[in-house]
N, C-alpha and C. Protein backbone atom coordinates (compact mmCIF):
# COMPACT_ATOMS: atom_id res chain seq x y z
N UNK A 1 62.36 -167.91 77.17
CA UNK A 1 62.34 -168.18 78.09
C UNK A 1 62.15 -167.00 79.24
N UNK A 2 62.79 -165.54 79.03
CA UNK A 2 61.91 -164.81 79.76
C UNK A 2 60.60 -164.61 80.09
N UNK A 3 59.30 -164.74 79.29
CA UNK A 3 58.01 -165.29 79.65
C UNK A 3 58.02 -166.15 81.23
N UNK A 4 58.80 -167.22 80.78
CA UNK A 4 58.89 -168.03 81.89
C UNK A 4 59.29 -167.54 82.75
N UNK A 5 60.72 -167.06 83.21
CA UNK A 5 60.91 -165.99 84.80
C UNK A 5 60.02 -165.54 85.32
N UNK A 6 59.29 -164.48 83.88
CA UNK A 6 58.64 -163.34 84.39
C UNK A 6 57.24 -163.74 85.26
N UNK A 7 56.98 -165.45 85.26
CA UNK A 7 55.30 -165.88 85.73
C UNK A 7 56.63 -166.04 86.52
N UNK A 8 57.64 -167.09 87.20
CA UNK A 8 57.58 -166.99 88.12
C UNK A 8 58.23 -165.76 89.53
N UNK A 9 58.00 -164.44 88.68
CA UNK A 9 58.87 -163.50 89.42
C UNK A 9 57.42 -162.91 89.74
N UNK A 10 56.09 -163.34 88.78
CA UNK A 10 54.42 -162.69 89.11
C UNK A 10 54.55 -163.84 90.35
N UNK A 11 54.59 -164.83 90.22
CA UNK A 11 54.00 -165.84 91.28
C UNK A 11 54.31 -165.73 92.46
N UNK A 12 56.44 -165.55 92.66
CA UNK A 12 56.53 -165.34 93.86
C UNK A 12 55.81 -163.54 94.57
N UNK A 13 55.75 -163.22 94.05
CA UNK A 13 55.31 -161.62 93.82
C UNK A 13 53.82 -162.08 94.34
N UNK A 14 53.27 -162.55 94.11
CA UNK A 14 52.17 -163.33 94.91
C UNK A 14 51.62 -163.63 95.96
N UNK A 15 52.56 -164.19 96.01
CA UNK A 15 52.72 -165.30 97.12
C UNK A 15 53.75 -164.50 98.87
N UNK A 16 54.14 -163.68 98.11
CA UNK A 16 54.95 -162.49 99.23
C UNK A 16 53.31 -161.25 99.32
N UNK A 17 52.26 -161.05 98.25
CA UNK A 17 51.51 -160.55 98.63
C UNK A 17 50.60 -161.28 99.61
N UNK A 18 50.42 -162.73 99.66
CA UNK A 18 50.30 -162.91 100.35
C UNK A 18 49.99 -163.17 102.09
N UNK A 19 51.81 -163.71 102.24
CA UNK A 19 52.08 -163.92 103.22
C UNK A 19 51.86 -162.75 104.03
N UNK A 20 51.95 -161.06 103.65
CA UNK A 20 51.97 -159.89 103.96
C UNK A 20 50.44 -159.25 104.72
N UNK A 21 49.79 -160.44 103.56
CA UNK A 21 48.80 -160.32 104.08
C UNK A 21 48.26 -160.85 105.92
N UNK A 22 49.08 -162.58 105.55
CA UNK A 22 48.79 -163.21 106.10
C UNK A 22 49.35 -162.46 107.77
N UNK A 23 50.24 -161.78 107.36
CA UNK A 23 50.90 -161.19 108.56
C UNK A 23 50.13 -159.77 109.86
N UNK A 24 49.33 -159.15 108.63
CA UNK A 24 49.09 -158.46 109.13
C UNK A 24 47.79 -158.86 109.90
N UNK A 25 47.15 -159.54 109.71
CA UNK A 25 45.58 -160.26 110.11
C UNK A 25 46.36 -160.98 110.85
N UNK A 26 48.06 -161.34 111.84
CA UNK A 26 48.24 -161.53 113.47
C UNK A 26 48.30 -160.91 113.71
N UNK A 27 48.82 -159.83 113.35
CA UNK A 27 48.88 -158.14 113.93
C UNK A 27 48.00 -158.03 114.68
N UNK A 28 46.49 -158.16 113.59
CA UNK A 28 45.05 -157.90 114.40
C UNK A 28 44.72 -158.38 114.76
N UNK A 29 45.09 -159.54 115.36
CA UNK A 29 44.57 -160.87 116.30
C UNK A 29 45.21 -160.30 117.21
N UNK A 30 46.22 -160.03 117.33
CA UNK A 30 47.73 -159.50 118.47
C UNK A 30 47.41 -158.55 118.80
N UNK A 31 46.11 -157.05 118.36
CA UNK A 31 45.92 -156.35 118.57
C UNK A 31 44.75 -156.68 119.55
N UNK A 32 43.69 -157.89 119.00
CA UNK A 32 43.02 -157.78 119.69
C UNK A 32 42.84 -158.41 121.40
N UNK A 33 43.78 -159.62 121.22
CA UNK A 33 43.89 -160.21 121.80
C UNK A 33 44.68 -159.31 123.49
N UNK A 34 45.44 -158.37 123.19
CA UNK A 34 46.03 -157.15 123.72
C UNK A 34 44.41 -155.85 124.47
N UNK A 35 43.98 -155.99 123.91
CA UNK A 35 42.77 -155.34 124.44
C UNK A 35 41.55 -156.43 125.19
N UNK A 36 41.44 -157.14 124.79
CA UNK A 36 41.08 -158.31 125.91
C UNK A 36 41.46 -158.61 127.30
N UNK A 37 43.09 -158.63 127.20
CA UNK A 37 43.92 -158.97 127.98
C UNK A 37 43.77 -157.87 129.47
N UNK A 38 43.82 -156.95 128.14
CA UNK A 38 43.61 -155.30 129.49
C UNK A 38 42.70 -154.62 129.15
N UNK A 39 41.12 -155.51 129.04
CA UNK A 39 39.79 -155.59 130.06
C UNK A 39 40.05 -156.51 131.24
N UNK A 40 40.15 -157.84 130.08
CA UNK A 40 40.10 -158.64 132.09
C UNK A 40 41.22 -158.20 133.08
N UNK A 41 42.29 -157.60 133.12
CA UNK A 41 42.96 -156.44 134.19
C UNK A 41 42.25 -155.61 135.11
N UNK A 42 42.10 -154.85 133.89
CA UNK A 42 40.26 -153.90 134.52
C UNK A 42 39.45 -154.40 135.52
N UNK A 43 39.33 -155.62 135.89
CA UNK A 43 38.39 -156.59 135.98
C UNK A 43 39.34 -157.06 136.83
N UNK A 44 39.53 -157.70 136.48
CA UNK A 44 40.58 -158.72 137.89
C UNK A 44 40.36 -157.45 139.01
N UNK A 45 41.42 -156.39 138.41
CA UNK A 45 41.38 -155.18 139.11
C UNK A 45 40.31 -154.95 140.52
N UNK A 46 39.48 -154.50 139.72
CA UNK A 46 38.15 -154.03 140.17
C UNK A 46 38.06 -154.80 141.17
N UNK A 47 37.93 -155.98 140.76
CA UNK A 47 37.49 -157.34 142.08
C UNK A 47 38.54 -157.55 142.89
N UNK A 48 39.58 -157.14 142.81
CA UNK A 48 40.72 -156.67 144.23
C UNK A 48 40.89 -156.43 144.92
N UNK A 49 39.74 -154.53 144.58
CA UNK A 49 39.84 -153.39 145.33
C UNK A 49 38.80 -154.10 146.30
N UNK A 50 37.45 -154.54 145.14
CA UNK A 50 35.94 -155.54 146.34
C UNK A 50 37.12 -155.68 147.29
N UNK A 51 37.17 -156.41 147.40
CA UNK A 51 38.33 -157.08 148.35
C UNK A 51 38.38 -157.05 149.28
N UNK A 52 39.43 -155.93 148.84
CA UNK A 52 40.45 -154.63 149.51
C UNK A 52 39.76 -154.51 150.39
N UNK A 53 37.95 -153.90 149.39
CA UNK A 53 37.16 -153.03 151.25
C UNK A 53 36.71 -153.92 151.33
N UNK A 54 36.32 -155.23 151.53
CA UNK A 54 35.30 -156.15 152.03
C UNK A 54 35.90 -156.26 153.31
N UNK A 55 37.65 -156.57 153.16
CA UNK A 55 38.66 -157.15 154.42
C UNK A 55 38.22 -155.53 155.60
N UNK A 56 38.91 -154.50 154.46
CA UNK A 56 38.65 -152.98 155.53
C UNK A 56 37.34 -152.89 156.86
N UNK A 57 35.97 -153.33 155.84
CA UNK A 57 34.95 -153.72 156.23
C UNK A 57 34.93 -154.29 157.75
N UNK A 58 35.32 -155.46 157.46
CA UNK A 58 36.07 -156.53 157.99
C UNK A 58 36.10 -156.25 159.29
N UNK A 59 38.07 -156.41 159.21
CA UNK A 59 38.66 -155.53 160.33
C UNK A 59 37.93 -154.86 161.53
N UNK A 60 37.71 -153.08 160.31
CA UNK A 60 36.87 -152.40 161.30
C UNK A 60 35.48 -153.02 162.00
N UNK A 61 34.76 -153.62 161.96
CA UNK A 61 33.75 -154.46 162.19
C UNK A 61 34.06 -155.67 163.99
N UNK A 62 35.50 -155.99 163.35
CA UNK A 62 35.83 -156.82 164.33
C UNK A 62 36.93 -155.86 165.09
N UNK A 63 36.57 -154.64 165.15
CA UNK A 63 37.88 -153.50 166.11
C UNK A 63 37.34 -152.84 166.71
N UNK A 64 35.66 -153.21 166.44
CA UNK A 64 34.21 -152.18 167.30
C UNK A 64 34.89 -152.87 168.97
């Protein structure tokens, strides 16, 4: 009877380890997504800055 219980406990332990690995994989994926979002944010920011500069130049041209 104890061997049966030990086997079940070991099975549960293996499953918990599997879940821990999956959680770690999800964390890694989330960090990758966060990095991608930050890069996109930087790209958008630089594009908006470029548009702002173009508008400033157009305003100066129209003022002359």
